[in-house]
Amino acid sequence: MPLLPALVVGLLLARADLRTGRLPDRLVSLLAVTLVVPALGRPAAELRRGLAASILVFSLYFVLALLPGDGLGFGDVKLAAVLAFGLGVQGWDTVLLGLALPPLIIGPTAVALVATRRLGRRDPLPFGPALVGGAIAALI
């Protein structure tokens, strides 16, 4: 699957989230297009798996976003669902790895930023870059 356009859009999303704390819907939609259109030529079973992964991850992240606190926003929910489609087309093991890596990326990052006093304990830390990084790592 040609993933270079998706990589570029994913990096733009990560940059936007770091700068503004937001994941623009237009970029998330563009990422969806860059993942779905090339996948249309794949076997139907892979597309169904991608769709199932997207629905599953959307549901999981949606519930997490409803929990008290400001940890996860709905932009993160949408981004995770879009990325899950691309990961799901590759296989369930890729989806699981893509789900496991973002917390493993953001956890040590948060600890390091708090330890160096570049971030307060209650300051928000964008999750989009960890989602994109985790997806890229899972695909590699």
Protein backbone atom coordinates (compact mmCIF):
# COMPACT_ATOMS: atom_id res chain seq x y z
CA MET A 1 0.00 0.00 0.00
CA PRO A 2 1.50 3.37 -0.93
CA LEU A 3 1.82 4.98 2.47
CA LEU A 4 3.98 8.02 1.70
CA PRO A 5 1.01 10.43 1.32
CA ALA A 6 -0.45 9.11 4.59
CA LEU A 7 2.93 9.56 6.28
CA VAL A 8 3.13 13.18 5.14
CA VAL A 9 -0.40 13.96 6.34
CA GLY A 10 0.24 12.12 9.62
CA LEU A 11 3.33 14.21 10.25
CA LEU A 12 1.37 17.39 9.49
CA LEU A 13 -1.26 16.28 12.01
CA ALA A 14 1.39 15.60 14.65
CA ARG A 15 2.92 19.02 14.03
CA ALA A 16 -0.47 20.74 14.25
CA ASP A 17 -1.28 18.98 17.52
CA LEU A 18 2.08 19.96 19.03
CA ARG A 19 1.64 23.60 18.01
CA THR A 20 -2.05 24.13 18.73
CA GLY A 21 -3.24 21.20 20.83
CA ARG A 22 -5.79 20.43 18.11
CA LEU A 23 -6.12 17.93 15.28
CA PRO A 24 -7.80 19.72 12.37
CA ASP A 25 -10.75 17.78 10.94
CA ARG A 26 -9.64 18.62 7.40
CA LEU A 27 -6.29 16.93 7.94
CA VAL A 28 -7.86 13.92 9.66
CA SER A 29 -10.24 13.59 6.70
CA LEU A 30 -7.35 13.90 4.27
CA LEU A 31 -5.51 11.17 6.15
CA ALA A 32 -8.60 8.97 5.89
CA VAL A 33 -8.68 9.49 2.13
CA THR A 34 -4.96 8.73 1.78
CA LEU A 35 -5.48 5.44 3.65
CA VAL A 36 -8.84 4.32 2.26
CA VAL A 37 -8.45 5.06 -1.47
CA PRO A 38 -5.31 2.92 -1.98
CA ALA A 39 -6.86 0.15 0.13
CA LEU A 40 -9.85 -0.14 -2.20
CA GLY A 41 -7.80 -2.36 -4.50
CA ARG A 42 -7.07 -4.83 -1.70
CA PRO A 43 -9.01 -8.03 -1.02
CA ALA A 44 -12.42 -7.58 0.60
CA ALA A 45 -11.32 -9.45 3.73
CA GLU A 46 -8.58 -6.88 4.37
CA LEU A 47 -11.03 -4.00 3.91
CA ARG A 48 -13.49 -5.62 6.34
CA ARG A 49 -10.70 -6.11 8.86
CA GLY A 50 -9.68 -2.45 8.46
CA LEU A 51 -13.26 -1.32 8.98
CA ALA A 52 -13.69 -3.61 12.00
CA ALA A 53 -10.44 -2.29 13.51
CA SER A 54 -11.57 1.29 12.91
CA ILE A 55 -14.94 0.71 14.60
CA LEU A 56 -13.34 -1.13 17.52
CA VAL A 57 -10.69 1.53 18.14
CA PHE A 58 -13.20 4.35 17.71
CA SER A 59 -15.44 2.74 20.34
CA LEU A 60 -12.55 2.22 22.76
CA TYR A 61 -11.17 5.74 22.40
CA PHE A 62 -14.67 7.27 22.51
CA VAL A 63 -15.27 5.67 25.93
CA LEU A 64 -11.83 6.86 27.10
CA ALA A 65 -12.61 10.41 25.92
CA LEU A 66 -15.80 10.42 27.99
CA LEU A 67 -13.91 9.66 31.20
CA PRO A 68 -13.38 12.60 33.56
CA GLY A 69 -10.32 14.73 32.94
CA ASP A 70 -8.85 16.45 29.94
CA GLY A 71 -6.63 13.60 28.78
CA LEU A 72 -8.13 12.54 25.47
CA GLY A 73 -9.99 14.75 23.03
CA PHE A 74 -12.37 13.82 20.25
CA GLY A 75 -9.74 14.74 17.67
CA ASP A 76 -7.65 11.94 19.13
CA VAL A 77 -10.66 9.61 18.87
CA LYS A 78 -11.14 10.40 15.19
CA LEU A 79 -7.43 10.13 14.43
CA ALA A 80 -7.14 6.79 16.22
CA ALA A 81 -10.08 5.40 14.22
CA VAL A 82 -8.58 6.53 10.92
CA LEU A 83 -5.16 5.11 11.78
CA ALA A 84 -6.80 1.85 12.92
CA PHE A 85 -8.24 1.38 9.44
CA GLY A 86 -4.78 1.59 7.88
CA LEU A 87 -3.34 -0.71 10.53
CA GLY A 88 -6.27 -3.12 10.27
CA VAL A 89 -5.76 -3.60 6.55
CA GLN A 90 -2.29 -4.88 7.41
CA GLY A 91 -3.48 -7.28 10.14
CA TRP A 92 -4.73 -7.58 13.71
CA ASP A 93 -1.21 -7.87 15.09
CA THR A 94 -0.43 -4.49 13.54
CA VAL A 95 -3.57 -3.01 15.12
CA LEU A 96 -2.62 -4.33 18.56
CA LEU A 97 0.90 -2.97 18.24
CA GLY A 98 -0.49 0.36 17.02
CA LEU A 99 -2.73 0.48 20.12
CA ALA A 100 0.05 -0.47 22.53
CA LEU A 101 2.76 1.91 21.32
CA PRO A 102 1.20 5.39 21.82
CA PRO A 103 0.97 5.08 25.63
CA LEU A 104 4.51 3.68 25.64
CA ILE A 105 5.65 6.71 23.65
CA ILE A 106 3.80 9.41 25.56
CA GLY A 107 4.45 8.03 29.07
CA PRO A 108 8.25 8.39 29.09
CA THR A 109 7.94 11.64 27.13
CA ALA A 110 5.66 13.11 29.81
CA VAL A 111 7.97 11.93 32.60
CA ALA A 112 10.98 13.49 30.88
CA LEU A 113 9.19 16.79 30.24
CA VAL A 114 7.98 17.02 33.84
CA ALA A 115 11.40 16.03 35.20
CA THR A 116 13.07 18.78 33.15
CA ARG A 117 10.32 21.22 34.18
CA ARG A 118 9.38 21.90 30.56
CA LEU A 119 5.88 20.70 31.45
CA GLY A 120 3.85 20.87 34.63
CA ARG A 121 2.14 17.79 36.05
CA ARG A 122 -1.28 19.10 35.08
CA ASP A 123 -0.30 20.61 31.71
CA PRO A 124 -1.86 18.95 28.67
CA LEU A 125 0.37 16.89 26.40
CA PRO A 126 -0.88 16.33 22.84
CA PHE A 127 -1.59 12.65 22.13
CA GLY A 128 -1.76 12.95 18.32
CA PRO A 129 2.01 12.71 17.78
CA ALA A 130 2.13 9.52 19.85
CA LEU A 131 -0.77 8.06 17.84
CA VAL A 132 0.97 8.85 14.56
CA GLY A 133 4.35 7.65 15.84
CA GLY A 134 2.83 4.43 17.15
CA ALA A 135 1.11 3.76 13.83
CA ILE A 136 4.30 4.39 11.88
CA ALA A 137 6.29 2.12 14.18
CA ALA A 138 3.62 -0.60 13.98
CA LEU A 139 3.72 -0.51 10.19
CA ILE A 140 7.51 -0.73 10.16
